[in-house]
């Protein structure tokens, strides 16, 4: 049973009508809060915030669609924080294990946000 059906069966009709009218906003709110909670649990909230200060506008991160909702922006910022946390760990490992200098090249398919 999906959430909409569950609410329909378990809420009084007048309350369900209010929820139904604001369903999209409700889903957006829950999605954003879920991602924020996951960032916090993974210890990436502060890193995601720092990245947002480096690249404040990611509306045109992708060429095929705009990031034009709070949910999409939050989702992509969380993805960036996760991806770059892995990159940071890899660089630390390379620095620890390597006695040579090395060059990092970002060959990507988007707006170049990661290299920034």
N, C-alpha and C. Protein backbone atom coordinates (compact mmCIF):
# COMPACT_ATOMS: atom_id res chain seq x y z
N UNK A 1 0.85 -1.17 0.00
CA UNK A 1 0.00 0.00 0.00
C UNK A 1 0.90 1.24 0.00
N UNK A 2 0.64 2.15 -0.92
CA UNK A 2 1.45 3.36 -0.95
C UNK A 2 0.93 4.35 0.09
N UNK A 3 1.71 5.38 0.34
CA UNK A 3 1.39 6.35 1.38
C UNK A 3 0.07 7.06 1.12
N UNK A 4 -0.18 7.42 -0.13
CA UNK A 4 -1.42 8.12 -0.46
C UNK A 4 -2.64 7.27 -0.08
N UNK A 5 -2.62 6.00 -0.44
CA UNK A 5 -3.73 5.11 -0.09
C UNK A 5 -3.85 4.93 1.41
N UNK A 6 -2.72 4.81 2.07
CA UNK A 6 -2.73 4.68 3.52
C UNK A 6 -3.39 5.89 4.18
N UNK A 7 -2.99 7.08 3.74
CA UNK A 7 -3.57 8.30 4.31
C UNK A 7 -5.06 8.39 4.01
N UNK A 8 -5.43 8.02 2.81
CA UNK A 8 -6.85 8.07 2.42
C UNK A 8 -7.69 7.17 3.33
N UNK A 9 -7.18 5.99 3.64
CA UNK A 9 -7.93 5.05 4.47
C UNK A 9 -7.94 5.44 5.94
N UNK A 10 -6.89 6.14 6.40
CA UNK A 10 -6.73 6.35 7.84
C UNK A 10 -6.99 7.78 8.33
N UNK A 11 -7.10 8.71 7.42
CA UNK A 11 -7.39 10.09 7.84
C UNK A 11 -8.88 10.39 7.65
N UNK A 12 -9.42 11.26 8.48
CA UNK A 12 -10.79 11.72 8.23
C UNK A 12 -10.85 12.40 6.86
N UNK A 13 -11.96 12.29 6.16
CA UNK A 13 -12.06 12.82 4.79
C UNK A 13 -11.66 14.30 4.65
N UNK A 14 -12.07 15.13 5.59
CA UNK A 14 -11.73 16.56 5.48
C UNK A 14 -10.22 16.79 5.61
N UNK A 15 -9.56 16.01 6.47
CA UNK A 15 -8.11 16.15 6.63
C UNK A 15 -7.37 15.59 5.42
N UNK A 16 -7.86 14.45 4.91
CA UNK A 16 -7.24 13.87 3.71
C UNK A 16 -7.32 14.84 2.54
N UNK A 17 -8.42 15.55 2.38
CA UNK A 17 -8.57 16.52 1.29
C UNK A 17 -7.51 17.63 1.40
N UNK A 18 -7.23 18.07 2.62
CA UNK A 18 -6.19 19.09 2.81
C UNK A 18 -4.82 18.54 2.43
N UNK A 19 -4.54 17.32 2.86
CA UNK A 19 -3.26 16.69 2.52
C UNK A 19 -3.15 16.50 1.01
N UNK A 20 -4.22 16.03 0.39
CA UNK A 20 -4.22 15.78 -1.06
C UNK A 20 -3.93 17.05 -1.84
N UNK A 21 -4.50 18.16 -1.41
CA UNK A 21 -4.29 19.44 -2.10
C UNK A 21 -2.83 19.89 -2.04
N UNK A 22 -2.13 19.47 -0.99
CA UNK A 22 -0.74 19.90 -0.80
C UNK A 22 0.24 18.74 -0.94
N UNK A 23 -0.20 17.68 -1.63
CA UNK A 23 0.60 16.46 -1.73
C UNK A 23 2.00 16.72 -2.29
N UNK A 24 2.09 17.47 -3.38
CA UNK A 24 3.40 17.72 -3.98
C UNK A 24 4.33 18.42 -2.99
N UNK A 25 3.84 19.46 -2.33
CA UNK A 25 4.65 20.17 -1.34
C UNK A 25 5.06 19.25 -0.20
N UNK A 26 4.14 18.38 0.21
CA UNK A 26 4.42 17.45 1.29
C UNK A 26 5.54 16.48 0.89
N UNK A 27 5.43 15.92 -0.32
CA UNK A 27 6.46 15.00 -0.80
C UNK A 27 7.81 15.70 -0.90
N UNK A 28 7.81 16.93 -1.40
CA UNK A 28 9.04 17.71 -1.52
C UNK A 28 9.66 17.94 -0.14
N UNK A 29 8.84 18.31 0.81
CA UNK A 29 9.31 18.56 2.18
C UNK A 29 9.92 17.30 2.79
N UNK A 30 9.22 16.19 2.68
CA UNK A 30 9.71 14.93 3.24
C UNK A 30 11.00 14.50 2.55
N UNK A 31 11.06 14.66 1.23
CA UNK A 31 12.28 14.30 0.50
C UNK A 31 13.48 15.11 0.94
N UNK A 32 13.31 16.42 1.06
CA UNK A 32 14.40 17.30 1.49
C UNK A 32 14.85 16.93 2.89
N UNK A 33 13.91 16.76 3.80
CA UNK A 33 14.25 16.42 5.19
C UNK A 33 14.94 15.07 5.28
N UNK A 34 14.52 14.12 4.46
CA UNK A 34 15.16 12.79 4.46
C UNK A 34 16.61 12.88 4.02
N UNK A 35 16.86 13.65 2.99
CA UNK A 35 18.23 13.81 2.49
C UNK A 35 19.08 14.54 3.53
N UNK A 36 18.53 15.59 4.13
CA UNK A 36 19.27 16.32 5.16
C UNK A 36 19.62 15.41 6.34
N UNK A 37 18.69 14.56 6.72
CA UNK A 37 18.93 13.61 7.81
C UNK A 37 20.04 12.62 7.43
N UNK A 38 20.01 12.13 6.20
CA UNK A 38 21.04 11.20 5.74
C UNK A 38 22.41 11.87 5.72
N UNK A 39 22.47 13.12 5.26
CA UNK A 39 23.74 13.87 5.28
C UNK A 39 24.26 13.98 6.70
N UNK A 40 23.37 14.30 7.62
CA UNK A 40 23.77 14.45 9.02
C UNK A 40 24.29 13.12 9.57
N UNK A 41 23.57 12.04 9.32
CA UNK A 41 23.97 10.72 9.82
C UNK A 41 25.31 10.28 9.25
N UNK A 42 25.62 10.69 8.03
CA UNK A 42 26.87 10.31 7.39
C UNK A 42 28.00 11.30 7.68
N UNK A 43 27.70 12.33 8.46
CA UNK A 43 28.71 13.33 8.79
C UNK A 43 29.08 14.21 7.62
N UNK A 44 28.18 14.42 6.69
CA UNK A 44 28.48 15.20 5.49
C UNK A 44 27.77 16.55 5.43
N UNK A 45 27.01 16.91 6.45
CA UNK A 45 26.24 18.16 6.43
C UNK A 45 27.15 19.37 6.28
N UNK A 46 28.18 19.43 7.09
CA UNK A 46 29.09 20.59 7.05
C UNK A 46 29.82 20.66 5.71
N UNK A 47 30.23 19.51 5.19
CA UNK A 47 30.91 19.48 3.90
C UNK A 47 29.98 19.94 2.78
N UNK A 48 28.73 19.49 2.81
CA UNK A 48 27.75 19.93 1.80
C UNK A 48 27.56 21.44 1.88
N UNK A 49 27.53 21.98 3.08
CA UNK A 49 27.38 23.42 3.27
C UNK A 49 28.59 24.16 2.67
N UNK A 50 29.79 23.67 2.95
CA UNK A 50 31.01 24.30 2.40
C UNK A 50 30.99 24.27 0.88
N UNK A 51 30.57 23.16 0.30
CA UNK A 51 30.50 23.07 -1.16
C UNK A 51 29.49 24.05 -1.72
N UNK A 52 28.40 24.28 -1.01
CA UNK A 52 27.40 25.23 -1.50
C UNK A 52 27.93 26.65 -1.47
N UNK A 53 28.90 26.93 -0.61
CA UNK A 53 29.51 28.26 -0.58
C UNK A 53 30.51 28.43 -1.74
N UNK A 54 31.14 27.34 -2.13
CA UNK A 54 32.08 27.39 -3.25
C UNK A 54 31.34 27.55 -4.57
N UNK A 55 30.25 26.80 -4.74
CA UNK A 55 29.43 26.86 -5.95
C UNK A 55 27.99 27.13 -5.51
N UNK A 56 27.62 28.41 -5.38
CA UNK A 56 26.29 28.74 -4.85
C UNK A 56 25.12 28.36 -5.75
N UNK A 57 25.30 28.36 -7.04
CA UNK A 57 24.17 28.09 -7.94
C UNK A 57 24.47 26.88 -8.81
N UNK A 58 23.71 25.82 -8.60
CA UNK A 58 23.90 24.61 -9.41
C UNK A 58 22.68 24.35 -10.30
N UNK A 59 21.92 25.38 -10.57
CA UNK A 59 20.71 25.26 -11.40
C UNK A 59 21.01 24.56 -12.72
N UNK A 60 22.13 24.90 -13.34
CA UNK A 60 22.47 24.35 -14.66
C UNK A 60 23.59 23.32 -14.58
N UNK A 61 23.61 22.55 -13.50
CA UNK A 61 24.60 21.49 -13.31
C UNK A 61 24.56 20.49 -14.46
N UNK A 62 23.38 20.19 -14.94
CA UNK A 62 23.21 19.22 -16.01
C UNK A 62 22.70 19.92 -17.26
N UNK A 63 23.06 19.40 -18.41
CA UNK A 63 22.63 20.02 -19.66
C UNK A 63 21.23 19.58 -20.08
N UNK A 64 20.74 18.48 -19.54
CA UNK A 64 19.47 17.95 -19.99
C UNK A 64 18.26 18.44 -19.18
N UNK A 65 18.49 19.00 -17.99
CA UNK A 65 17.38 19.54 -17.20
C UNK A 65 17.92 20.51 -16.16
N UNK A 66 17.02 21.36 -15.67
CA UNK A 66 17.38 22.34 -14.65
C UNK A 66 17.10 21.78 -13.26
N UNK A 67 17.94 22.15 -12.32
CA UNK A 67 17.67 21.83 -10.93
C UNK A 67 16.84 22.98 -10.39
N UNK A 68 15.52 22.84 -10.48
CA UNK A 68 14.65 23.97 -10.20
C UNK A 68 13.68 23.74 -9.05
N UNK A 69 13.97 22.73 -8.22
CA UNK A 69 13.18 22.53 -7.00
C UNK A 69 14.15 22.36 -5.83
N UNK A 70 13.65 22.64 -4.65
CA UNK A 70 14.49 22.48 -3.46
C UNK A 70 14.95 21.03 -3.31
N UNK A 71 14.05 20.10 -3.64
CA UNK A 71 14.41 18.69 -3.55
C UNK A 71 15.57 18.33 -4.48
N UNK A 72 15.48 18.74 -5.74
CA UNK A 72 16.55 18.41 -6.70
C UNK A 72 17.87 19.03 -6.29
N UNK A 73 17.85 20.28 -5.85
CA UNK A 73 19.08 20.94 -5.43
C UNK A 73 19.68 20.22 -4.21
N UNK A 74 18.84 19.89 -3.25
CA UNK A 74 19.32 19.19 -2.05
C UNK A 74 19.89 17.83 -2.41
N UNK A 75 19.20 17.12 -3.29
CA UNK A 75 19.64 15.79 -3.71
C UNK A 75 21.00 15.85 -4.40
N UNK A 76 21.17 16.79 -5.32
CA UNK A 76 22.43 16.89 -6.05
C UNK A 76 23.55 17.39 -5.14
N UNK A 77 23.26 18.32 -4.25
CA UNK A 77 24.28 18.78 -3.31
C UNK A 77 24.73 17.63 -2.40
N UNK A 78 23.79 16.79 -1.97
CA UNK A 78 24.15 15.63 -1.16
C UNK A 78 25.00 14.66 -1.96
N UNK A 79 24.64 14.46 -3.22
CA UNK A 79 25.43 13.59 -4.09
C UNK A 79 26.85 14.13 -4.25
N UNK A 80 26.97 15.44 -4.47
CA UNK A 80 28.30 16.06 -4.59
C UNK A 80 29.11 15.86 -3.31
N UNK A 81 28.48 16.07 -2.17
CA UNK A 81 29.19 15.91 -0.89
C UNK A 81 29.69 14.48 -0.75
N UNK A 82 28.84 13.52 -1.08
CA UNK A 82 29.24 12.11 -0.98
C UNK A 82 30.38 11.80 -1.94
N UNK A 83 30.23 12.20 -3.21
CA UNK A 83 31.25 11.91 -4.21
C UNK A 83 32.59 12.55 -3.84
N UNK A 84 32.54 13.80 -3.43
CA UNK A 84 33.79 14.50 -3.11
C UNK A 84 34.41 14.02 -1.81
N UNK A 85 33.61 13.49 -0.89
CA UNK A 85 34.19 12.91 0.32
C UNK A 85 35.02 11.68 -0.04
N UNK A 86 34.54 10.92 -1.04
CA UNK A 86 35.30 9.76 -1.51
C UNK A 86 36.58 10.23 -2.20
N UNK A 87 36.49 11.28 -3.01
CA UNK A 87 37.67 11.82 -3.69
C UNK A 87 38.69 12.29 -2.66
N UNK A 88 38.23 12.98 -1.63
CA UNK A 88 39.15 13.45 -0.57
C UNK A 88 39.88 12.28 0.08
N UNK A 89 39.16 11.21 0.35
CA UNK A 89 39.78 10.03 0.95
C UNK A 89 40.81 9.40 0.00
N UNK A 90 40.48 9.35 -1.28
CA UNK A 90 41.41 8.79 -2.26
C UNK A 90 42.68 9.65 -2.35
N UNK A 91 42.52 10.97 -2.33
CA UNK A 91 43.69 11.86 -2.38
C UNK A 91 44.56 11.68 -1.14
N UNK A 92 43.93 11.57 0.02
CA UNK A 92 44.70 11.33 1.25
C UNK A 92 45.49 10.04 1.15
N UNK A 93 44.86 9.01 0.61
CA UNK A 93 45.53 7.73 0.45
C UNK A 93 46.70 7.85 -0.52
N UNK A 94 46.49 8.54 -1.64
CA UNK A 94 47.57 8.75 -2.61
C UNK A 94 48.72 9.53 -2.00
N UNK A 95 48.40 10.57 -1.25
CA UNK A 95 49.44 11.38 -0.61
C UNK A 95 50.24 10.56 0.40
N UNK A 96 49.54 9.71 1.10
CA UNK A 96 50.18 8.87 2.12
C UNK A 96 51.10 7.81 1.49
N UNK A 97 50.63 7.22 0.40
CA UNK A 97 51.33 6.10 -0.22
C UNK A 97 52.35 6.51 -1.28
N UNK A 98 52.25 7.73 -1.79
CA UNK A 98 53.09 8.13 -2.91
C UNK A 98 54.21 9.05 -2.46
N UNK A 99 55.38 8.83 -3.04
CA UNK A 99 56.50 9.74 -2.80
C UNK A 99 56.66 10.71 -3.96
N UNK A 100 55.88 10.50 -5.03
CA UNK A 100 55.95 11.36 -6.21
C UNK A 100 54.81 12.37 -6.19
N UNK A 101 55.02 13.46 -6.92
CA UNK A 101 53.91 14.39 -7.13
C UNK A 101 52.94 13.77 -8.12
N UNK A 102 51.71 14.15 -8.04
CA UNK A 102 50.72 13.64 -8.98
C UNK A 102 49.77 14.76 -9.36
N UNK A 103 49.12 14.57 -10.49
CA UNK A 103 48.18 15.54 -11.01
C UNK A 103 46.78 14.92 -11.01
N UNK A 104 45.82 15.72 -10.62
CA UNK A 104 44.43 15.25 -10.63
C UNK A 104 43.73 15.96 -11.78
N UNK A 105 43.05 15.17 -12.61
CA UNK A 105 42.32 15.71 -13.75
C UNK A 105 40.85 15.33 -13.60
N UNK A 106 39.97 16.30 -13.76
CA UNK A 106 38.53 16.05 -13.71
C UNK A 106 38.01 16.07 -15.14
N UNK A 107 37.67 14.89 -15.64
CA UNK A 107 37.08 14.79 -16.96
C UNK A 107 35.64 14.39 -16.72
N UNK A 108 34.74 15.36 -16.81
CA UNK A 108 33.36 15.11 -16.44
C UNK A 108 32.39 15.35 -17.57
N UNK A 109 31.13 15.17 -17.22
CA UNK A 109 30.07 15.33 -18.21
C UNK A 109 29.05 16.37 -17.77
N UNK A 110 29.47 17.25 -16.86
CA UNK A 110 28.51 18.25 -16.37
C UNK A 110 29.17 19.62 -16.32
N UNK A 111 28.76 20.45 -15.41
CA UNK A 111 29.16 21.85 -15.39
C UNK A 111 30.54 22.11 -14.77
N UNK A 112 31.25 21.06 -14.40
CA UNK A 112 32.57 21.25 -13.80
C UNK A 112 32.53 21.62 -12.33
N UNK A 113 31.44 21.33 -11.67
CA UNK A 113 31.28 21.70 -10.27
C UNK A 113 32.29 20.99 -9.38
N UNK A 114 32.58 19.73 -9.66
CA UNK A 114 33.49 18.99 -8.80
C UNK A 114 34.89 19.58 -8.79
N UNK A 115 35.39 20.00 -9.92
CA UNK A 115 36.74 20.54 -9.97
C UNK A 115 36.84 21.85 -9.22
N UNK A 116 35.71 22.61 -9.20
CA UNK A 116 35.72 23.86 -8.44
C UNK A 116 35.92 23.56 -6.96
